[in-house]
């Protein structure tokens, strides 16, 4: 199980990446608008986890994240628009993975080749969940064995987790695309053979 510090790093890195995807700065050719909502949810998760880390600290950082949370709640109470937005962000923070699945679903629905994109996005999501599932159970114990400063271990763990998730999803996405391409080629060859079999055979007349 990841430490709280590692989870903070994960939320911040994932949130940054999803904000870049959602705004089109990264991969503008894709339909990633839902990722903006994912990024907002991850930002709130990071803030909540930061509060648990710094809540008992001393100095200026003590309860700083909680003060930001309290301020947002206070503004939400006095503003209908911000109040609704706060509810949306709260929903997103509790449904990050579900929203990522929705984002993949939108890509499938808007793709020209929906069948191929369906296989690719299935691989994408499956790879992400598979790798993250393994890392949640095993990554921390391997990081703890590294000969590095204990304060750096949560940061390293968070970075490795994010890179592992992206790598797993990317590899399985590409596998899905290759499988889809092979299936498509096989179907085209089968159809071509069917057309050839239905064509009338030439008749040779002997003199």
Protein backbone atom coordinates (compact mmCIF):
# COMPACT_ATOMS: atom_id res chain seq x y z
CA UNK A 1 0.00 0.00 0.00
CA UNK A 2 1.38 3.41 -0.99
CA UNK A 3 2.24 5.95 1.71
CA UNK A 4 0.24 9.17 1.92
CA UNK A 5 3.26 11.10 0.62
CA UNK A 6 3.45 8.85 -2.44
CA UNK A 7 -0.30 9.28 -3.03
CA UNK A 8 0.12 13.06 -2.95
CA UNK A 9 2.86 12.86 -5.60
CA UNK A 10 0.69 10.53 -7.70
CA UNK A 11 -2.33 12.86 -7.54
CA UNK A 12 -0.23 15.92 -8.43
CA UNK A 13 1.48 14.22 -11.39
CA UNK A 14 -1.68 12.56 -12.71
CA UNK A 15 -3.58 15.82 -12.23
CA UNK A 16 -0.98 17.79 -14.19
CA UNK A 17 -0.99 15.25 -17.02
CA UNK A 18 -4.78 15.15 -17.19
CA UNK A 19 -5.03 18.95 -17.19
CA UNK A 20 -2.63 19.01 -20.17
CA UNK A 21 -4.70 16.34 -21.93
CA UNK A 22 -8.00 18.02 -21.10
CA UNK A 23 -6.93 21.44 -22.38
CA UNK A 24 -5.42 19.98 -25.55
CA UNK A 25 -1.87 21.09 -24.77
CA UNK A 26 -0.91 17.39 -24.84
CA UNK A 27 -2.33 15.17 -27.62
CA UNK A 28 -4.67 17.85 -29.11
CA UNK A 29 -5.84 15.42 -31.80
CA UNK A 30 -7.62 13.30 -29.18
CA UNK A 31 -10.96 13.88 -27.47
CA UNK A 32 -9.79 14.33 -23.90
CA UNK A 33 -12.07 17.07 -22.54
CA UNK A 34 -13.30 14.82 -19.74
CA UNK A 35 -9.71 14.66 -18.47
CA UNK A 36 -10.09 18.28 -17.29
CA UNK A 37 -12.71 17.08 -14.83
CA UNK A 38 -10.44 14.18 -13.85
CA UNK A 39 -7.62 16.68 -13.19
CA UNK A 40 -9.90 18.76 -10.93
CA UNK A 41 -10.82 15.66 -8.95
CA UNK A 42 -7.20 14.65 -8.59
CA UNK A 43 -6.28 18.18 -7.46
CA UNK A 44 -8.81 17.93 -4.66
CA UNK A 45 -7.52 14.50 -3.70
CA UNK A 46 -3.98 15.88 -3.56
CA UNK A 47 -5.13 18.79 -1.37
CA UNK A 48 -6.94 16.44 1.00
CA UNK A 49 -3.90 14.17 1.29
CA UNK A 50 -1.59 17.17 1.77
CA UNK A 51 -3.76 18.23 4.68
CA UNK A 52 -3.27 14.82 6.31
CA UNK A 53 0.50 15.13 5.83
CA UNK A 54 0.96 18.72 7.06
CA UNK A 55 -1.88 18.87 9.58
CA UNK A 56 0.44 18.08 12.48
CA UNK A 57 3.43 20.08 11.26
CA UNK A 58 4.70 23.35 12.68
CA UNK A 59 5.14 26.78 11.19
CA UNK A 60 3.46 28.41 8.19
CA UNK A 61 2.56 25.14 6.47
CA UNK A 62 0.52 23.89 9.44
CA UNK A 63 -3.11 23.39 8.35
CA UNK A 64 -2.45 25.39 5.16
CA UNK A 65 -4.19 22.79 2.93
CA UNK A 66 -7.15 22.67 5.34
CA UNK A 67 -7.45 26.46 5.16
CA UNK A 68 -7.72 26.23 1.38
CA UNK A 69 -10.40 23.53 1.71
CA UNK A 70 -12.32 25.62 4.28
CA UNK A 71 -12.11 28.69 2.03
CA UNK A 72 -13.50 26.74 -0.94
CA UNK A 73 -16.35 25.42 1.21
CA UNK A 74 -17.14 28.93 2.48
CA UNK A 75 -17.21 30.37 -1.04
CA UNK A 76 -19.39 27.45 -2.18
CA UNK A 77 -21.92 28.29 0.56
CA UNK A 78 -22.25 31.86 -0.71
CA UNK A 79 -22.14 31.23 -4.45
CA UNK A 80 -24.61 29.06 -6.33
CA UNK A 81 -22.30 28.71 -9.32
CA UNK A 82 -19.23 27.87 -7.24
CA UNK A 83 -21.38 25.64 -5.06
CA UNK A 84 -22.41 23.57 -8.07
CA UNK A 85 -18.83 23.52 -9.33
CA UNK A 86 -17.62 22.34 -5.91
CA UNK A 87 -20.10 19.46 -6.05
CA UNK A 88 -18.87 18.50 -9.52
CA UNK A 89 -15.25 18.53 -8.35
CA UNK A 90 -16.19 16.51 -5.27
CA UNK A 91 -17.91 13.95 -7.52
CA UNK A 92 -14.84 13.84 -9.79
CA UNK A 93 -12.50 13.29 -6.83
CA UNK A 94 -14.48 10.18 -5.86
CA UNK A 95 -14.85 8.83 -9.41
CA UNK A 96 -11.49 9.41 -11.09
CA UNK A 97 -11.18 5.94 -12.65
CA UNK A 98 -14.82 5.97 -13.78
CA UNK A 99 -14.28 9.29 -15.55
CA UNK A 100 -11.15 7.97 -17.24
CA UNK A 101 -13.28 5.09 -18.57
CA UNK A 102 -15.85 7.64 -19.80
CA UNK A 103 -13.07 9.51 -21.58
CA UNK A 104 -12.04 6.31 -23.36
CA UNK A 105 -15.67 5.63 -24.26
CA UNK A 106 -15.98 9.07 -25.87
CA UNK A 107 -12.87 8.36 -27.95
CA UNK A 108 -14.50 5.16 -29.21
CA UNK A 109 -17.78 6.89 -30.07
CA UNK A 110 -16.07 9.73 -31.94
CA UNK A 111 -13.52 7.57 -33.78
CA UNK A 112 -13.84 6.88 -37.51
CA UNK A 113 -12.95 3.23 -36.99
CA UNK A 114 -14.96 2.47 -33.84
CA UNK A 115 -14.18 -1.25 -33.74
CA UNK A 116 -10.42 -0.70 -33.86
CA UNK A 117 -10.59 2.10 -31.30
CA UNK A 118 -12.69 -0.08 -29.00
CA UNK A 119 -9.96 -2.74 -28.92
CA UNK A 120 -7.26 -0.10 -28.43
CA UNK A 121 -9.09 1.65 -25.58
CA UNK A 122 -9.93 -1.69 -23.95
CA UNK A 123 -6.21 -2.46 -23.94
CA UNK A 124 -5.48 1.02 -22.61
CA UNK A 125 -7.81 0.69 -19.61
CA UNK A 126 -6.93 -2.96 -18.94
CA UNK A 127 -3.21 -2.18 -18.98
CA UNK A 128 -3.64 0.75 -16.61
CA UNK A 129 -5.70 -1.20 -14.08
CA UNK A 130 -3.48 -4.29 -14.27
CA UNK A 131 -0.22 -2.42 -13.70
CA UNK A 132 -1.67 -0.13 -11.03
CA UNK A 133 -3.18 -3.12 -9.25
CA UNK A 134 0.20 -4.82 -9.09
CA UNK A 135 1.99 -1.66 -7.97
CA UNK A 136 -0.51 -0.94 -5.19
CA UNK A 137 0.31 -4.34 -3.69
CA UNK A 138 4.04 -4.57 -4.39
CA UNK A 139 5.71 -1.27 -5.29
CA UNK A 140 6.16 0.11 -1.76
CA UNK A 141 8.16 -2.89 -0.53
CA UNK A 142 10.59 -2.60 -3.44
CA UNK A 143 11.00 1.15 -2.97
CA UNK A 144 11.69 0.64 0.75
CA UNK A 145 14.64 -1.60 -0.15
CA UNK A 146 16.34 1.14 -2.18
CA UNK A 147 19.45 2.71 -0.60
CA UNK A 148 18.05 6.26 -0.66
CA UNK A 149 16.98 8.82 1.93
CA UNK A 150 13.70 7.82 3.57
CA UNK A 151 12.23 11.26 2.85
CA UNK A 152 12.82 10.72 -0.87
CA UNK A 153 11.13 7.31 -0.98
CA UNK A 154 7.52 8.61 -1.17
CA UNK A 155 8.54 10.92 -4.04
CA UNK A 156 10.29 8.12 -5.91
CA UNK A 157 7.36 5.78 -5.29
CA UNK A 158 4.88 8.33 -6.59
CA UNK A 159 6.90 9.01 -9.74
CA UNK A 160 7.45 5.30 -10.46
CA UNK A 161 3.73 4.62 -9.94
CA UNK A 162 2.73 7.27 -12.47
CA UNK A 163 5.34 6.16 -15.01
CA UNK A 164 4.32 2.53 -14.53
CA UNK A 165 0.64 3.33 -15.06
CA UNK A 166 1.33 5.33 -18.22
CA UNK A 167 3.71 2.66 -19.57
CA UNK A 168 1.25 -0.18 -18.91
CA UNK A 169 -1.66 1.63 -20.53
CA UNK A 170 0.44 2.72 -23.53
CA UNK A 171 1.84 -0.76 -24.21
CA UNK A 172 -1.58 -2.41 -23.97
CA UNK A 173 -3.14 0.36 -26.09
CA UNK A 174 -0.62 -0.34 -28.85
CA UNK A 175 -1.21 -4.08 -28.52
CA UNK A 176 -4.93 -3.43 -28.93
CA UNK A 177 -4.28 -1.36 -32.06
CA UNK A 178 -2.10 -4.08 -33.57
CA UNK A 179 -4.70 -6.77 -32.83
CA UNK A 180 -7.39 -4.55 -34.37
CA UNK A 181 -5.26 -4.01 -37.49
CA UNK A 182 -4.72 -7.77 -37.90
CA UNK A 183 -8.43 -8.48 -37.49
CA UNK A 184 -9.30 -5.76 -39.99
CA UNK A 185 -6.77 -7.12 -42.52
CA UNK A 186 -8.07 -10.66 -42.04
CA UNK A 187 -11.66 -9.51 -42.60
CA UNK A 188 -10.70 -7.63 -45.75
CA UNK A 189 -8.87 -10.67 -47.13
CA UNK A 190 -11.87 -12.88 -46.34
CA UNK A 191 -14.27 -10.49 -48.10
CA UNK A 192 -11.98 -10.29 -51.12
CA UNK A 193 -11.88 -14.09 -51.29
CA UNK A 194 -15.67 -14.27 -51.02
CA UNK A 195 -16.05 -11.83 -53.91
CA UNK A 196 -13.61 -13.85 -55.99
CA UNK A 197 -15.49 -17.09 -55.26
CA UNK A 198 -18.83 -15.60 -56.35
CA UNK A 199 -17.49 -14.31 -59.68
CA UNK A 200 -18.48 -16.46 -62.70
CA UNK A 201 -15.67 -18.64 -64.00
CA UNK A 202 -14.55 -18.15 -67.60
CA UNK A 203 -15.78 -20.70 -70.14
CA UNK A 204 -13.34 -22.09 -72.64
CA UNK A 205 -14.85 -23.30 -75.98
CA UNK A 206 -12.83 -25.91 -77.84
CA UNK A 207 -12.73 -25.75 -81.64
